[in-house]
């Protein structure tokens, strides 16, 4: 009797489950035990909202990275602009200084009829020429001062060749020429020293055999080619 009772109970369970699945579909068990499908839907919506929040966070992070990159680029350009601005201001100051010196040179008058004024003008011009020679300048003020000085000395020689200041100014011209030749000689000596050093290093490497040794790159090429 017990066997048949258990068999009937189990058979009833299987039959009821089969009928329930037939009537209610895949969620038959959930409906029978009272599971709220709205709860499952709410959980799905929660996952969707969480995903949307994460996507928004990722978008914000991307915008932040773009903002930081743009800001860094802006700051770099700002620094470059300020550097160019400083360079421009420095060049502007230098230009204005040169223009003032040129104006000062051009304002010096050469009057051969007044020897005292002519000597004073030549003395003032010699200051500009001295400065230009020491700086090895090619500025307009230096060229104008030297040309004007030569003209003034020729005027003084013409009106008073025995004047002691003629000798003084001619000596100044000779000093400037010597200084110019000295600078050229120093430049040639520097070039010669550099050439000699290069040749010496070349000879040393050749004699020591360093030049005949294969470099690591050459060894690699010879090994696989």
Protein backbone atom coordinates (compact mmCIF):
# COMPACT_ATOMS: atom_id res chain seq x y z
CA UNK A 1 0.00 0.00 0.00
CA UNK A 2 2.81 2.37 0.89
CA UNK A 3 4.48 1.84 -2.45
CA UNK A 4 1.30 2.58 -4.38
CA UNK A 5 0.62 5.68 -2.28
CA UNK A 6 4.08 7.11 -2.96
CA UNK A 7 3.77 6.25 -6.64
CA UNK A 8 0.44 8.08 -6.84
CA UNK A 9 1.86 11.12 -5.08
CA UNK A 10 4.87 11.36 -7.37
CA UNK A 11 2.76 10.69 -10.43
CA UNK A 12 0.43 13.50 -9.36
CA UNK A 13 3.37 15.91 -9.00
CA UNK A 14 4.73 15.12 -12.44
CA UNK A 15 1.32 15.34 -14.04
CA UNK A 16 0.51 18.63 -12.32
CA UNK A 17 3.84 20.13 -13.36
CA UNK A 18 3.35 19.03 -16.94
CA UNK A 19 -0.14 20.52 -17.02
CA UNK A 20 1.11 23.74 -15.39
CA UNK A 21 3.90 24.13 -17.94
CA UNK A 22 1.40 23.52 -20.68
CA UNK A 23 -0.98 26.16 -19.32
CA UNK A 24 1.45 28.85 -18.09
CA UNK A 25 4.58 28.29 -20.12
CA UNK A 26 8.19 28.51 -18.86
CA UNK A 27 7.24 30.56 -15.75
CA UNK A 28 4.65 28.08 -14.53
CA UNK A 29 6.59 27.25 -11.36
CA UNK A 30 7.15 30.95 -10.64
CA UNK A 31 3.45 31.68 -10.96
CA UNK A 32 2.54 28.76 -8.74
CA UNK A 33 4.87 29.79 -5.92
CA UNK A 34 3.92 33.47 -6.30
CA UNK A 35 7.14 34.91 -7.72
CA UNK A 36 6.60 38.50 -8.80
CA UNK A 37 7.72 38.92 -12.41
CA UNK A 38 7.63 42.68 -11.83
CA UNK A 39 10.51 42.13 -9.43
CA UNK A 40 12.52 40.45 -12.16
CA UNK A 41 11.70 43.33 -14.49
CA UNK A 42 12.76 45.83 -11.82
CA UNK A 43 16.08 44.06 -11.43
CA UNK A 44 16.57 44.20 -15.21
CA UNK A 45 15.75 47.92 -15.23
CA UNK A 46 18.22 48.46 -12.39
CA UNK A 47 20.97 46.76 -14.36
CA UNK A 48 20.09 48.92 -17.38
CA UNK A 49 20.22 52.11 -15.27
CA UNK A 50 23.57 51.08 -13.78
CA UNK A 51 24.91 50.48 -17.28
CA UNK A 52 23.69 53.89 -18.44
CA UNK A 53 25.31 55.55 -15.42
CA UNK A 54 28.59 53.81 -16.18
CA UNK A 55 28.40 54.92 -19.81
CA UNK A 56 27.80 58.48 -18.64
CA UNK A 57 30.79 58.23 -16.33
CA UNK A 58 32.96 56.96 -19.19
CA UNK A 59 31.75 59.83 -21.39
CA UNK A 60 32.58 62.31 -18.62
CA UNK A 61 36.03 60.77 -18.19
CA UNK A 62 36.64 61.12 -21.92
CA UNK A 63 35.53 64.74 -21.82
CA UNK A 64 37.84 65.35 -18.85
CA UNK A 65 40.79 63.80 -20.71
CA UNK A 66 40.01 65.93 -23.77
CA UNK A 67 39.71 69.02 -21.58
CA UNK A 68 43.03 68.32 -19.85
CA UNK A 69 44.71 67.74 -23.23
CA UNK A 70 43.27 70.95 -24.69
CA UNK A 71 44.27 72.89 -21.59
CA UNK A 72 47.82 71.53 -21.74
CA UNK A 73 48.01 72.50 -25.42
CA UNK A 74 46.67 75.97 -24.61
CA UNK A 75 49.23 76.43 -21.82
CA UNK A 76 52.02 75.29 -24.17
CA UNK A 77 50.92 77.80 -26.80
CA UNK A 78 50.63 80.48 -24.12
CA UNK A 79 54.20 79.84 -22.99
CA UNK A 80 55.38 79.92 -26.62
CA UNK A 81 53.50 83.18 -27.19
CA UNK A 82 55.02 84.76 -24.08
CA UNK A 83 58.49 83.63 -25.16
CA UNK A 84 58.01 85.18 -28.60
CA UNK A 85 56.60 88.31 -26.98
CA UNK A 86 59.70 88.66 -24.81
CA UNK A 87 61.93 88.05 -27.84
CA UNK A 88 59.99 90.64 -29.84
CA UNK A 89 60.27 93.20 -27.05
CA UNK A 90 64.00 92.54 -26.77
CA UNK A 91 64.44 92.98 -30.53
CA UNK A 92 62.31 96.10 -30.41
CA UNK A 93 64.46 97.59 -27.65
CA UNK A 94 67.61 96.71 -29.62
CA UNK A 95 66.14 98.24 -32.78
CA UNK A 96 65.20 101.44 -30.96
CA UNK A 97 68.68 101.63 -29.43
CA UNK A 98 70.31 101.26 -32.84
CA UNK A 99 67.99 103.84 -34.36
CA UNK A 100 68.83 106.29 -31.59
CA UNK A 101 72.55 105.73 -32.11
CA UNK A 102 72.09 106.23 -35.83
CA UNK A 103 70.15 109.43 -35.21
CA UNK A 104 72.90 110.64 -32.87
CA UNK A 105 75.54 109.94 -35.52
CA UNK A 106 73.55 111.67 -38.26
CA UNK A 107 73.01 114.69 -36.02
CA UNK A 108 76.77 115.32 -35.83
CA UNK A 109 77.66 118.11 -38.24
CA UNK A 110 80.97 118.45 -40.06
CA UNK A 111 81.87 122.10 -40.55
CA UNK A 112 85.25 122.57 -42.25
CA UNK A 113 85.06 126.33 -41.68
CA UNK A 114 85.16 125.85 -37.91
CA UNK A 115 88.17 123.73 -36.94
CA UNK A 116 87.26 123.54 -33.25
CA UNK A 117 83.75 122.32 -34.05
CA UNK A 118 85.14 119.90 -36.64
CA UNK A 119 87.58 118.40 -34.12
CA UNK A 120 84.79 118.07 -31.56
CA UNK A 121 82.59 116.30 -34.12
CA UNK A 122 85.42 113.90 -35.03
CA UNK A 123 85.99 113.15 -31.34
CA UNK A 124 82.30 112.30 -30.88
CA UNK A 125 82.30 110.14 -34.01
CA UNK A 126 85.38 108.26 -32.79
CA UNK A 127 83.43 107.17 -29.70
CA UNK A 128 80.81 105.49 -31.88
CA UNK A 129 83.44 103.89 -34.10
CA UNK A 130 85.37 102.60 -31.07
CA UNK A 131 82.22 101.00 -29.73
CA UNK A 132 81.36 99.42 -33.06
CA UNK A 133 84.87 98.01 -33.53
CA UNK A 134 84.89 96.44 -30.06
CA UNK A 135 81.48 94.87 -30.65
CA UNK A 136 82.44 93.82 -34.20
CA UNK A 137 79.26 95.58 -35.20
CA UNK A 138 77.64 95.74 -38.61
CA UNK A 139 74.88 98.12 -37.49
CA UNK A 140 73.95 101.17 -39.51
CA UNK A 141 75.17 103.58 -36.86
CA UNK A 142 78.68 102.07 -37.00
CA UNK A 143 78.86 102.20 -40.79
CA UNK A 144 77.58 105.79 -40.81
CA UNK A 145 79.94 106.87 -38.01
CA UNK A 146 83.01 105.36 -39.71
CA UNK A 147 82.14 106.90 -43.07
CA UNK A 148 81.50 110.27 -41.53
CA UNK A 149 84.70 110.06 -39.48
CA UNK A 150 86.79 109.37 -42.60
CA UNK A 151 85.16 112.35 -44.33
CA UNK A 152 85.80 114.61 -41.34
CA UNK A 153 89.47 113.60 -41.10
CA UNK A 154 89.92 114.39 -44.79
CA UNK A 155 88.35 117.82 -44.21
CA UNK A 156 90.66 118.56 -41.28
CA UNK A 157 93.70 117.50 -43.30
CA UNK A 158 92.62 119.85 -46.09
CA UNK A 159 92.09 122.93 -43.92
CA UNK A 160 94.94 122.37 -41.41
CA UNK A 161 97.27 119.50 -42.32
CA UNK A 162 99.75 120.38 -39.56
CA UNK A 163 97.15 120.19 -36.81
CA UNK A 164 98.17 117.68 -34.11
CA UNK A 165 94.65 116.23 -34.02
CA UNK A 166 95.08 115.06 -37.60
CA UNK A 167 97.83 112.70 -36.44
CA UNK A 168 95.69 111.58 -33.50
CA UNK A 169 92.72 110.71 -35.68
CA UNK A 170 94.91 108.93 -38.24
CA UNK A 171 96.34 106.85 -35.39
CA UNK A 172 92.83 105.93 -34.36
CA UNK A 173 92.12 104.71 -37.88
CA UNK A 174 95.26 102.58 -37.81
CA UNK A 175 94.26 101.10 -34.45
CA UNK A 176 90.86 100.14 -35.81
CA UNK A 177 92.42 98.48 -38.84
CA UNK A 178 94.85 96.54 -36.62
CA UNK A 179 92.01 95.41 -34.40
CA UNK A 180 90.04 94.27 -37.43
CA UNK A 181 93.00 92.28 -38.76
CA UNK A 182 93.59 90.82 -35.30
CA UNK A 183 90.02 89.56 -35.08
CA UNK A 184 90.28 87.97 -38.52
CA UNK A 185 93.57 86.30 -37.55
CA UNK A 186 92.01 84.93 -34.35
CA UNK A 187 89.12 83.52 -36.36
CA UNK A 188 91.47 81.80 -38.80
CA UNK A 189 93.53 80.40 -35.93
CA UNK A 190 90.37 78.94 -34.37
CA UNK A 191 89.39 77.34 -37.68
CA UNK A 192 92.91 75.92 -38.13
CA UNK A 193 92.89 74.45 -34.59
CA UNK A 194 89.54 72.76 -35.22
CA UNK A 195 90.80 71.28 -38.49
CA UNK A 196 94.01 70.07 -36.83
CA UNK A 197 92.05 68.41 -34.02
CA UNK A 198 89.81 66.67 -36.52
CA UNK A 199 92.79 65.38 -38.52
CA UNK A 200 94.54 64.27 -35.31
CA UNK A 201 91.52 62.28 -34.16
CA UNK A 202 91.17 60.73 -37.60
CA UNK A 203 94.83 59.66 -37.66
CA UNK A 204 94.63 58.27 -34.11
CA UNK A 205 91.58 56.17 -34.91
CA UNK A 206 93.17 54.91 -38.12
CA UNK A 207 96.49 53.99 -36.49
CA UNK A 208 94.86 52.34 -33.46
CA UNK A 209 92.66 50.26 -35.74
CA UNK A 210 89.42 51.61 -34.36
CA UNK A 211 88.29 52.63 -37.81
CA UNK A 212 88.84 49.11 -39.20
CA UNK A 213 86.77 47.44 -36.47
CA UNK A 214 83.22 46.52 -37.24
CA UNK A 215 80.55 48.39 -35.39
CA UNK A 216 77.75 46.38 -33.69
CA UNK A 217 75.41 47.38 -36.53
CA UNK A 218 77.87 46.22 -39.18
CA UNK A 219 78.35 42.92 -37.34
CA UNK A 220 74.60 42.38 -37.28
CA UNK A 221 74.27 43.19 -40.97
CA UNK A 222 77.15 40.89 -41.96
CA UNK A 223 75.72 38.11 -39.83
CA UNK A 224 72.30 38.01 -41.45
CA UNK A 225 73.08 39.29 -44.95
